[in-house]
Amino acid sequence: MLLAGGAVWWLARDDDSSPLAGRPRVTDTAAGLSYAVPEGWKRNDGKSLIQAFTSSITTKRPDGHGGSAVLAGRGGPVDESALQQRTETAARSNAEFFYPDGKSTVEESRATTVSGRSAYTVVLSTRDDSGRAGRMRLTIVAQTGDRSAFLLGVTESPEPADSREADAVLASAAVS
């Protein structure tokens, strides 16, 4: 019994070296993911979310302009061989949604893992036709044969420094 409890603690603990170690977590049972909540961020608990998303957290910049959001959701099955194409397509689709009539540029596109599961991450810099700029990071996780999950970080600033907390939230993701 003690061994089983120790194994659960080991698997559930935060990596002590992560920037969000010890922070509260959102456990999104619909998406099958959990993720850390940075200090000063607010949980939305399904309030005002469009159907594509199952949970989110947000923050505003100190000056009241701009801010960041991390949104989670679930999707249909994605084979490991299709993760790159599906993630790049979904990232561009989200860029069009959040930055209409704009353009996006791929900054990063790479395979990764979340809790040992195959995943893929794409980072886009975005700008809409009014000049509003931002940055998006999307990670899709291949979970089981019949579903996938995703985390999307959206920052209303083109500066990588402004995206660090949202990026840290995505890095804290775990399959729940």
N, C-alpha and C. Protein backbone atom coordinates (compact mmCIF):
# COMPACT_ATOMS: atom_id res chain seq x y z
N MET A 1 0.82 -1.18 0.00
CA MET A 1 0.00 0.00 0.00
C MET A 1 0.87 1.25 0.00
N LEU A 2 1.89 1.28 0.84
CA LEU A 2 2.79 2.42 0.89
C LEU A 2 3.50 2.62 -0.44
N LEU A 3 3.90 1.52 -1.07
CA LEU A 3 4.57 1.59 -2.37
C LEU A 3 3.65 2.19 -3.42
N ALA A 4 2.38 1.78 -3.43
CA ALA A 4 1.42 2.32 -4.39
C ALA A 4 1.21 3.81 -4.17
N GLY A 5 1.10 4.22 -2.89
CA GLY A 5 0.94 5.65 -2.58
C GLY A 5 2.14 6.45 -3.03
N GLY A 6 3.34 5.90 -2.83
CA GLY A 6 4.56 6.57 -3.28
C GLY A 6 4.60 6.70 -4.79
N ALA A 7 4.14 5.68 -5.50
CA ALA A 7 4.12 5.73 -6.96
C ALA A 7 3.15 6.80 -7.45
N VAL A 8 1.98 6.89 -6.81
CA VAL A 8 1.01 7.92 -7.19
C VAL A 8 1.60 9.30 -6.93
N TRP A 9 2.24 9.50 -5.77
CA TRP A 9 2.86 10.79 -5.48
C TRP A 9 3.91 11.12 -6.53
N TRP A 10 4.78 10.15 -6.87
CA TRP A 10 5.85 10.38 -7.84
C TRP A 10 5.28 10.80 -9.19
N LEU A 11 4.22 10.12 -9.64
CA LEU A 11 3.64 10.42 -10.95
C LEU A 11 2.88 11.74 -10.95
N ALA A 12 2.30 12.13 -9.81
CA ALA A 12 1.46 13.33 -9.76
C ALA A 12 2.22 14.58 -9.36
N ARG A 13 3.43 14.43 -8.87
CA ARG A 13 4.15 15.60 -8.36
C ARG A 13 4.58 16.51 -9.50
N ASP A 14 4.73 17.79 -9.18
CA ASP A 14 5.30 18.74 -10.13
C ASP A 14 6.80 18.57 -10.16
N ASP A 15 7.40 18.80 -11.30
CA ASP A 15 8.86 18.81 -11.40
C ASP A 15 9.34 20.02 -10.61
N ASP A 16 10.13 19.79 -9.57
CA ASP A 16 10.57 20.88 -8.70
C ASP A 16 11.31 21.97 -9.43
N SER A 17 11.86 21.68 -10.61
CA SER A 17 12.61 22.69 -11.35
C SER A 17 11.73 23.50 -12.29
N SER A 18 10.45 23.13 -12.44
CA SER A 18 9.60 23.87 -13.37
C SER A 18 9.20 25.21 -12.75
N PRO A 19 8.98 26.23 -13.59
CA PRO A 19 8.61 27.55 -13.05
C PRO A 19 7.28 27.54 -12.30
N LEU A 20 6.42 26.56 -12.58
CA LEU A 20 5.10 26.53 -11.95
C LEU A 20 4.97 25.40 -10.92
N ALA A 21 6.09 24.87 -10.45
CA ALA A 21 6.06 23.80 -9.45
C ALA A 21 5.30 24.26 -8.21
N GLY A 22 4.42 23.42 -7.72
CA GLY A 22 3.68 23.72 -6.51
C GLY A 22 2.46 24.60 -6.71
N ARG A 23 2.21 25.09 -7.90
CA ARG A 23 1.04 25.93 -8.16
C ARG A 23 -0.21 25.06 -8.27
N PRO A 24 -1.39 25.63 -7.99
CA PRO A 24 -2.64 24.90 -8.20
C PRO A 24 -2.77 24.49 -9.67
N ARG A 25 -3.57 23.46 -9.92
CA ARG A 25 -3.73 22.95 -11.28
C ARG A 25 -5.21 22.91 -11.66
N VAL A 26 -5.48 23.10 -12.93
CA VAL A 26 -6.79 22.83 -13.50
C VAL A 26 -6.76 21.37 -13.91
N THR A 27 -7.76 20.60 -13.50
CA THR A 27 -7.91 19.23 -13.97
C THR A 27 -9.14 19.22 -14.87
N ASP A 28 -8.90 19.14 -16.15
CA ASP A 28 -9.96 19.18 -17.16
C ASP A 28 -10.29 17.74 -17.54
N THR A 29 -11.32 17.19 -16.91
CA THR A 29 -11.67 15.79 -17.16
C THR A 29 -12.22 15.58 -18.56
N ALA A 30 -12.85 16.59 -19.13
CA ALA A 30 -13.37 16.45 -20.50
C ALA A 30 -12.23 16.30 -21.50
N ALA A 31 -11.16 17.07 -21.32
CA ALA A 31 -10.02 16.99 -22.23
C ALA A 31 -9.06 15.87 -21.83
N GLY A 32 -9.10 15.49 -20.56
CA GLY A 32 -8.16 14.49 -20.07
C GLY A 32 -6.77 15.05 -19.82
N LEU A 33 -6.71 16.35 -19.49
CA LEU A 33 -5.44 17.02 -19.22
C LEU A 33 -5.53 17.79 -17.91
N SER A 34 -4.38 18.03 -17.31
CA SER A 34 -4.29 18.99 -16.21
C SER A 34 -3.15 19.94 -16.55
N TYR A 35 -3.22 21.15 -15.98
CA TYR A 35 -2.18 22.15 -16.23
C TYR A 35 -2.14 23.13 -15.07
N ALA A 36 -0.96 23.71 -14.86
CA ALA A 36 -0.73 24.61 -13.73
C ALA A 36 -1.36 25.98 -13.98
N VAL A 37 -1.70 26.66 -12.88
CA VAL A 37 -2.26 28.01 -12.92
C VAL A 37 -1.24 28.96 -12.31
N PRO A 38 -0.63 29.84 -13.12
CA PRO A 38 0.34 30.80 -12.57
C PRO A 38 -0.33 31.78 -11.61
N GLU A 39 0.47 32.36 -10.74
CA GLU A 39 -0.03 33.36 -9.81
C GLU A 39 -0.63 34.52 -10.60
N GLY A 40 -1.81 34.97 -10.17
CA GLY A 40 -2.48 36.10 -10.81
C GLY A 40 -3.38 35.72 -11.98
N TRP A 41 -3.35 34.48 -12.41
CA TRP A 41 -4.23 34.02 -13.49
C TRP A 41 -5.56 33.59 -12.89
N LYS A 42 -6.63 33.70 -13.68
CA LYS A 42 -7.98 33.35 -13.23
C LYS A 42 -8.49 32.14 -14.02
N ARG A 43 -9.09 31.21 -13.28
CA ARG A 43 -9.76 30.06 -13.90
C ARG A 43 -11.13 30.50 -14.40
N ASN A 44 -11.51 30.02 -15.56
CA ASN A 44 -12.82 30.37 -16.10
C ASN A 44 -13.85 29.28 -15.89
N ASP A 45 -13.43 28.07 -15.59
CA ASP A 45 -14.33 26.97 -15.25
C ASP A 45 -15.53 26.85 -16.20
N GLY A 46 -15.27 26.96 -17.49
CA GLY A 46 -16.31 26.75 -18.49
C GLY A 46 -17.19 27.94 -18.77
N LYS A 47 -17.00 29.03 -18.05
CA LYS A 47 -17.81 30.23 -18.28
C LYS A 47 -17.44 30.86 -19.61
N SER A 48 -18.42 31.17 -20.40
CA SER A 48 -18.23 31.93 -21.65
C SER A 48 -17.26 31.27 -22.62
N LEU A 49 -17.13 29.96 -22.59
CA LEU A 49 -16.26 29.28 -23.55
C LEU A 49 -17.07 28.82 -24.74
N ILE A 50 -16.48 28.96 -25.92
CA ILE A 50 -17.14 28.39 -27.08
C ILE A 50 -16.98 26.87 -27.00
N GLN A 51 -17.80 26.16 -27.74
CA GLN A 51 -17.89 24.71 -27.61
C GLN A 51 -16.57 23.97 -27.84
N ALA A 52 -15.67 24.54 -28.61
CA ALA A 52 -14.40 23.86 -28.91
C ALA A 52 -13.50 23.72 -27.69
N PHE A 53 -13.73 24.54 -26.65
CA PHE A 53 -12.87 24.55 -25.48
C PHE A 53 -13.60 24.00 -24.26
N THR A 54 -12.86 23.31 -23.40
CA THR A 54 -13.46 22.70 -22.22
C THR A 54 -13.01 23.36 -20.91
N SER A 55 -11.93 24.12 -20.93
CA SER A 55 -11.49 24.89 -19.76
C SER A 55 -10.53 25.97 -20.23
N SER A 56 -10.33 26.96 -19.37
CA SER A 56 -9.36 28.00 -19.71
C SER A 56 -8.93 28.77 -18.47
N ILE A 57 -7.78 29.43 -18.60
CA ILE A 57 -7.29 30.37 -17.60
C ILE A 57 -6.84 31.62 -18.35
N THR A 58 -6.94 32.78 -17.69
CA THR A 58 -6.59 34.03 -18.35
C THR A 58 -5.87 34.96 -17.38
N THR A 59 -5.19 35.94 -17.96
CA THR A 59 -4.57 37.01 -17.18
C THR A 59 -4.57 38.27 -18.03
N LYS A 60 -4.55 39.40 -17.36
CA LYS A 60 -4.42 40.70 -18.03
C LYS A 60 -3.06 41.28 -17.68
N ARG A 61 -2.52 42.07 -18.58
CA ARG A 61 -1.26 42.76 -18.29
C ARG A 61 -1.52 43.83 -17.23
N PRO A 62 -0.50 44.24 -16.47
CA PRO A 62 -0.68 45.24 -15.41
C PRO A 62 -1.28 46.55 -15.91
N ASP A 63 -1.00 46.92 -17.16
CA ASP A 63 -1.54 48.18 -17.69
C ASP A 63 -2.98 48.03 -18.17
N GLY A 64 -3.55 46.81 -18.06
CA GLY A 64 -4.93 46.58 -18.46
C GLY A 64 -5.13 46.31 -19.93
N HIS A 65 -4.08 46.42 -20.71
CA HIS A 65 -4.17 46.16 -22.15
C HIS A 65 -3.57 44.80 -22.45
N GLY A 66 -4.23 44.08 -23.35
CA GLY A 66 -3.70 42.78 -23.73
C GLY A 66 -3.81 41.78 -22.61
N GLY A 67 -3.09 40.71 -22.75
CA GLY A 67 -3.11 39.65 -21.77
C GLY A 67 -2.85 38.32 -22.44
N SER A 68 -3.13 37.26 -21.71
CA SER A 68 -2.89 35.91 -22.21
C SER A 68 -4.02 35.00 -21.78
N ALA A 69 -4.19 33.93 -22.54
CA ALA A 69 -5.16 32.89 -22.21
C ALA A 69 -4.56 31.54 -22.58
N VAL A 70 -4.91 30.54 -21.80
CA VAL A 70 -4.62 29.16 -22.15
C VAL A 70 -5.95 28.44 -22.15
N LEU A 71 -6.24 27.75 -23.24
CA LEU A 71 -7.50 27.05 -23.41
C LEU A 71 -7.23 25.59 -23.69
N ALA A 72 -8.05 24.71 -23.12
CA ALA A 72 -7.91 23.27 -23.35
C ALA A 72 -9.15 22.77 -24.06
N GLY A 73 -8.99 21.63 -24.71
CA GLY A 73 -10.12 21.01 -25.38
C GLY A 73 -9.80 19.59 -25.78
N ARG A 74 -10.79 18.94 -26.35
CA ARG A 74 -10.61 17.57 -26.80
C ARG A 74 -10.96 17.48 -28.28
N GLY A 75 -10.44 16.45 -28.91
CA GLY A 75 -10.70 16.25 -30.32
C GLY A 75 -10.80 14.77 -30.64
N GLY A 76 -10.99 14.50 -31.89
CA GLY A 76 -11.07 13.13 -32.35
C GLY A 76 -9.70 12.48 -32.39
N PRO A 77 -9.66 11.24 -32.83
CA PRO A 77 -8.39 10.52 -32.86
C PRO A 77 -7.40 11.15 -33.83
N VAL A 78 -6.13 11.12 -33.46
CA VAL A 78 -5.05 11.60 -34.33
C VAL A 78 -3.94 10.56 -34.27
N ASP A 79 -3.63 9.95 -35.40
CA ASP A 79 -2.50 9.02 -35.46
C ASP A 79 -1.21 9.80 -35.27
N GLU A 80 -0.23 9.15 -34.67
CA GLU A 80 1.06 9.79 -34.46
C GLU A 80 1.63 10.33 -35.77
N SER A 81 1.43 9.60 -36.86
CA SER A 81 1.96 10.02 -38.16
C SER A 81 1.29 11.29 -38.68
N ALA A 82 0.11 11.62 -38.16
CA ALA A 82 -0.63 12.80 -38.63
C ALA A 82 -0.55 13.97 -37.66
N LEU A 83 0.16 13.82 -36.54
CA LEU A 83 0.19 14.88 -35.52
C LEU A 83 0.73 16.20 -36.07
N GLN A 84 1.83 16.16 -36.80
CA GLN A 84 2.41 17.41 -37.30
C GLN A 84 1.43 18.14 -38.20
N GLN A 85 0.89 17.45 -39.18
CA GLN A 85 -0.03 18.09 -40.13
C GLN A 85 -1.27 18.61 -39.41
N ARG A 86 -1.84 17.82 -38.50
CA ARG A 86 -3.06 18.23 -37.79
C ARG A 86 -2.78 19.44 -36.90
N THR A 87 -1.63 19.45 -36.22
CA THR A 87 -1.31 20.56 -35.31
C THR A 87 -1.04 21.83 -36.10
N GLU A 88 -0.29 21.74 -37.19
CA GLU A 88 -0.02 22.93 -38.00
C GLU A 88 -1.31 23.49 -38.59
N THR A 89 -2.20 22.62 -39.07
CA THR A 89 -3.48 23.07 -39.63
C THR A 89 -4.34 23.72 -38.55
N ALA A 90 -4.43 23.09 -37.39
CA ALA A 90 -5.24 23.63 -36.29
C ALA A 90 -4.67 24.95 -35.78
N ALA A 91 -3.35 25.07 -35.72
CA ALA A 91 -2.73 26.32 -35.27
C ALA A 91 -3.09 27.47 -36.22
N ARG A 92 -3.00 27.22 -37.51
CA ARG A 92 -3.36 28.27 -38.48
C ARG A 92 -4.85 28.62 -38.40
N SER A 93 -5.69 27.62 -38.21
CA SER A 93 -7.12 27.86 -38.07
C SER A 93 -7.41 28.72 -36.85
N ASN A 94 -6.75 28.43 -35.73
CA ASN A 94 -6.93 29.25 -34.53
C ASN A 94 -6.38 30.66 -34.73
N ALA A 95 -5.29 30.79 -35.46
CA ALA A 95 -4.75 32.13 -35.76
C ALA A 95 -5.77 32.94 -36.55
N GLU A 96 -6.45 32.30 -37.50
CA GLU A 96 -7.48 33.00 -38.27
C GLU A 96 -8.65 33.40 -37.39
N PHE A 97 -8.99 32.57 -36.41
CA PHE A 97 -10.09 32.87 -35.50
C PHE A 97 -9.74 34.04 -34.59
N PHE A 98 -8.58 34.00 -33.96
CA PHE A 98 -8.19 35.02 -32.99
C PHE A 98 -7.65 36.29 -33.65
N TYR A 99 -7.12 36.18 -34.85
CA TYR A 99 -6.56 37.33 -35.58
C TYR A 99 -7.14 37.34 -36.99
N PRO A 100 -8.43 37.69 -37.13
CA PRO A 100 -9.09 37.64 -38.45
C PRO A 100 -8.39 38.55 -39.46
N ASP A 101 -8.43 38.11 -40.69
CA ASP A 101 -7.85 38.88 -41.80
C ASP A 101 -6.38 39.20 -41.57
N GLY A 102 -5.72 38.39 -40.82
CA GLY A 102 -4.30 38.63 -40.54
C GLY A 102 -3.43 37.58 -41.17
N LYS A 103 -2.20 37.58 -40.74
CA LYS A 103 -1.29 36.55 -41.20
C LYS A 103 -0.50 36.00 -40.03
N SER A 104 -0.01 34.79 -40.22
CA SER A 104 0.76 34.15 -39.16
C SER A 104 2.02 33.55 -39.76
N THR A 105 3.04 33.47 -38.93
CA THR A 105 4.33 32.92 -39.32
C THR A 105 4.72 31.84 -38.33
N VAL A 106 5.14 30.69 -38.84
CA VAL A 106 5.56 29.60 -37.96
C VAL A 106 6.92 29.94 -37.36
N GLU A 107 6.98 29.97 -36.02
CA GLU A 107 8.24 30.18 -35.30
C GLU A 107 8.87 28.85 -34.89
N GLU A 108 8.02 27.87 -34.63
CA GLU A 108 8.50 26.58 -34.13
C GLU A 108 7.48 25.51 -34.52
N SER A 109 7.97 24.33 -34.88
CA SER A 109 7.12 23.19 -35.19
C SER A 109 7.92 21.94 -34.85
N ARG A 110 7.48 21.22 -33.77
CA ARG A 110 8.30 20.10 -33.32
C ARG A 110 7.47 19.04 -32.59
N ALA A 111 7.97 17.81 -32.67
CA ALA A 111 7.38 16.71 -31.92
C ALA A 111 7.79 16.84 -30.46
N THR A 112 6.92 16.38 -29.57
CA THR A 112 7.19 16.40 -28.14
C THR A 112 6.41 15.27 -27.49
N THR A 113 6.41 15.21 -26.19
CA THR A 113 5.57 14.25 -25.46
C THR A 113 4.92 14.96 -24.28
N VAL A 114 3.78 14.45 -23.87
CA VAL A 114 3.09 14.90 -22.67
C VAL A 114 2.74 13.65 -21.88
N SER A 115 3.30 13.52 -20.70
CA SER A 115 3.10 12.32 -19.87
C SER A 115 3.41 11.05 -20.65
N GLY A 116 4.44 11.10 -21.47
CA GLY A 116 4.85 9.93 -22.24
C GLY A 116 4.03 9.67 -23.49
N ARG A 117 3.02 10.49 -23.75
CA ARG A 117 2.19 10.32 -24.94
C ARG A 117 2.74 11.20 -26.07
N SER A 118 2.61 10.71 -27.28
CA SER A 118 3.05 11.48 -28.45
C SER A 118 2.26 12.77 -28.54
N ALA A 119 2.96 13.86 -28.85
CA ALA A 119 2.32 15.17 -28.98
C ALA A 119 3.10 15.97 -30.00
N TYR A 120 2.52 17.10 -30.40
CA TYR A 120 3.18 17.98 -31.35
C TYR A 120 2.86 19.41 -30.96
N THR A 121 3.85 20.30 -31.10
CA THR A 121 3.70 21.71 -30.73
C THR A 121 4.04 22.60 -31.92
N VAL A 122 3.21 23.62 -32.12
CA VAL A 122 3.45 24.64 -33.14
C VAL A 122 3.33 26.00 -32.48
N VAL A 123 4.27 26.89 -32.77
CA VAL A 123 4.23 28.27 -32.28
C VAL A 123 4.13 29.19 -33.49
N LEU A 124 3.18 30.12 -33.44
CA LEU A 124 2.97 31.09 -34.52
C LEU A 124 3.09 32.50 -33.97
N SER A 125 3.71 33.39 -34.73
CA SER A 125 3.58 34.82 -34.47
C SER A 125 2.45 35.28 -35.39
N THR A 126 1.62 36.18 -34.88
CA THR A 126 0.42 36.58 -35.62
C THR A 126 0.29 38.10 -35.67
N ARG A 127 -0.41 38.56 -36.69
CA ARG A 127 -0.70 39.99 -36.82
C ARG A 127 -1.97 40.11 -37.65
N ASP A 128 -2.95 40.89 -37.14
CA ASP A 128 -4.17 41.07 -37.92
C ASP A 128 -4.06 42.32 -38.79
N ASP A 129 -5.08 42.59 -39.59
CA ASP A 129 -5.00 43.70 -40.54
C ASP A 129 -4.98 45.07 -39.87
N SER A 130 -5.32 45.15 -38.57
CA SER A 130 -5.26 46.44 -37.86
C SER A 130 -3.89 46.65 -37.21
N GLY A 131 -3.01 45.65 -37.33
CA GLY A 131 -1.68 45.75 -36.75
C GLY A 131 -1.53 45.11 -35.39
N ARG A 132 -2.64 44.61 -34.84
CA ARG A 132 -2.60 43.92 -33.53
C ARG A 132 -1.77 42.65 -33.68
N ALA A 133 -0.76 42.49 -32.83
CA ALA A 133 0.17 41.36 -32.94
C ALA A 133 0.05 40.46 -31.73
N GLY A 134 0.42 39.21 -31.92
CA GLY A 134 0.37 38.25 -30.82
C GLY A 134 1.18 37.01 -31.13
N ARG A 135 1.05 36.06 -30.25
CA ARG A 135 1.78 34.81 -30.37
C ARG A 135 0.88 33.69 -29.87
N MET A 136 0.94 32.55 -30.56
CA MET A 136 0.12 31.39 -30.19
C MET A 136 1.00 30.15 -30.12
N ARG A 137 0.73 29.31 -29.13
CA ARG A 137 1.39 28.00 -29.02
C ARG A 137 0.27 26.96 -28.87
N LEU A 138 0.28 25.97 -29.76
CA LEU A 138 -0.71 24.89 -29.72
C LEU A 138 0.02 23.57 -29.58
N THR A 139 -0.42 22.77 -28.61
CA THR A 139 0.09 21.41 -28.45
C THR A 139 -1.10 20.46 -28.52
N ILE A 140 -1.01 19.49 -29.43
CA ILE A 140 -2.02 18.43 -29.53
C ILE A 140 -1.39 17.15 -29.02
N VAL A 141 -2.13 16.46 -28.15
CA VAL A 141 -1.67 15.21 -27.53
C VAL A 141 -2.52 14.06 -28.05
N ALA A 142 -1.87 13.04 -28.61
CA ALA A 142 -2.57 11.82 -29.02
C ALA A 142 -2.80 11.01 -27.76
N GLN A 143 -4.05 10.90 -27.33
CA GLN A 143 -4.32 10.21 -26.06
C GLN A 143 -4.61 8.74 -26.27
N THR A 144 -5.83 8.41 -26.57
CA THR A 144 -6.19 7.01 -26.81
C THR A 144 -6.60 6.88 -28.27
N GLY A 145 -6.94 5.69 -28.68
CA GLY A 145 -7.30 5.47 -30.07
C GLY A 145 -8.47 6.29 -30.56
N ASP A 146 -9.35 6.73 -29.64
CA ASP A 146 -10.56 7.43 -30.08
C ASP A 146 -10.59 8.91 -29.74
N ARG A 147 -9.49 9.47 -29.21
CA ARG A 147 -9.52 10.90 -28.90
C ARG A 147 -8.13 11.50 -28.77
N SER A 148 -8.12 12.81 -28.85
CA SER A 148 -6.91 13.60 -28.63
C SER A 148 -7.30 14.76 -27.72
N ALA A 149 -6.31 15.50 -27.27
CA ALA A 149 -6.57 16.68 -26.45
C ALA A 149 -5.60 17.77 -26.88
N PHE A 150 -5.93 19.01 -26.54
CA PHE A 150 -5.03 20.10 -26.91
C PHE A 150 -5.00 21.17 -25.84
N LEU A 151 -3.91 21.92 -25.84
CA LEU A 151 -3.77 23.15 -25.07
C LEU A 151 -3.34 24.23 -26.04
N LEU A 152 -4.00 25.38 -25.97
CA LEU A 152 -3.70 26.51 -26.83
C LEU A 152 -3.37 27.71 -25.97
N GLY A 153 -2.18 28.26 -26.12
CA GLY A 153 -1.79 29.48 -25.43
C GLY A 153 -1.85 30.65 -26.40
N VAL A 154 -2.56 31.71 -26.03
CA VAL A 154 -2.70 32.90 -26.88
C VAL A 154 -2.23 34.10 -26.07
N THR A 155 -1.26 34.83 -26.61
CA THR A 155 -0.73 36.02 -25.94
C THR A 155 -0.92 37.22 -26.86
N GLU A 156 -1.51 38.28 -26.34
CA GLU A 156 -1.75 39.48 -27.14
C GLU A 156 -0.52 40.39 -27.11
N SER A 157 0.59 39.85 -27.53
CA SER A 157 1.84 40.59 -27.64
C SER A 157 2.78 39.77 -28.51
N PRO A 158 3.56 40.41 -29.37
CA PRO A 158 4.50 39.64 -30.19
C PRO A 158 5.79 39.30 -29.45
N GLU A 159 5.98 39.85 -28.26
CA GLU A 159 7.23 39.67 -27.53
C GLU A 159 7.30 38.31 -26.85
N PRO A 160 8.35 37.52 -27.13
CA PRO A 160 8.47 36.21 -26.48
C PRO A 160 8.45 36.30 -24.95
N ALA A 161 9.00 37.36 -24.38
CA ALA A 161 9.01 37.50 -22.92
C ALA A 161 7.59 37.53 -22.36
N ASP A 162 6.66 38.13 -23.11
CA ASP A 162 5.27 38.21 -22.66
C ASP A 162 4.57 36.85 -22.74
N SER A 163 5.14 35.93 -23.49
CA SER A 163 4.53 34.60 -23.66
C SER A 163 5.09 33.56 -22.71
N ARG A 164 6.08 33.91 -21.92
CA ARG A 164 6.75 32.91 -21.07
C ARG A 164 5.80 32.18 -20.12
N GLU A 165 4.89 32.92 -19.47
CA GLU A 165 3.98 32.25 -18.53
C GLU A 165 3.03 31.31 -19.26
N ALA A 166 2.47 31.75 -20.39
CA ALA A 166 1.58 30.87 -21.15
C ALA A 166 2.35 29.64 -21.62
N ASP A 167 3.58 29.83 -22.08
CA ASP A 167 4.41 28.70 -22.50
C ASP A 167 4.67 27.75 -21.33
N ALA A 168 4.90 28.31 -20.13
CA ALA A 168 5.14 27.48 -18.95
C ALA A 168 3.90 26.67 -18.59
N VAL A 169 2.71 27.25 -18.79
CA VAL A 169 1.48 26.49 -18.54
C VAL A 169 1.41 25.29 -19.48
N LEU A 170 1.67 25.51 -20.77
CA LEU A 170 1.64 24.39 -21.71
C LEU A 170 2.70 23.35 -21.36
N ALA A 171 3.86 23.81 -20.91
CA ALA A 171 4.93 22.87 -20.52
C ALA A 171 4.55 22.07 -19.28
N SER A 172 3.64 22.60 -18.46
CA SER A 172 3.22 21.91 -17.23
C SER A 172 2.15 20.85 -17.48
N ALA A 173 1.67 20.74 -18.70
CA ALA A 173 0.55 19.84 -19.01
C ALA A 173 0.88 18.39 -18.67
N ALA A 174 -0.15 17.71 -18.21
CA ALA A 174 -0.05 16.28 -17.91
C ALA A 174 -1.35 15.61 -18.33
N VAL A 175 -1.26 14.39 -18.79
CA VAL A 175 -2.47 13.62 -19.09
C VAL A 175 -3.07 13.20 -17.76
N SER A 176 -4.37 13.44 -17.59
CA SER A 176 -5.01 13.12 -16.30
C SER A 176 -5.96 11.94 -16.44
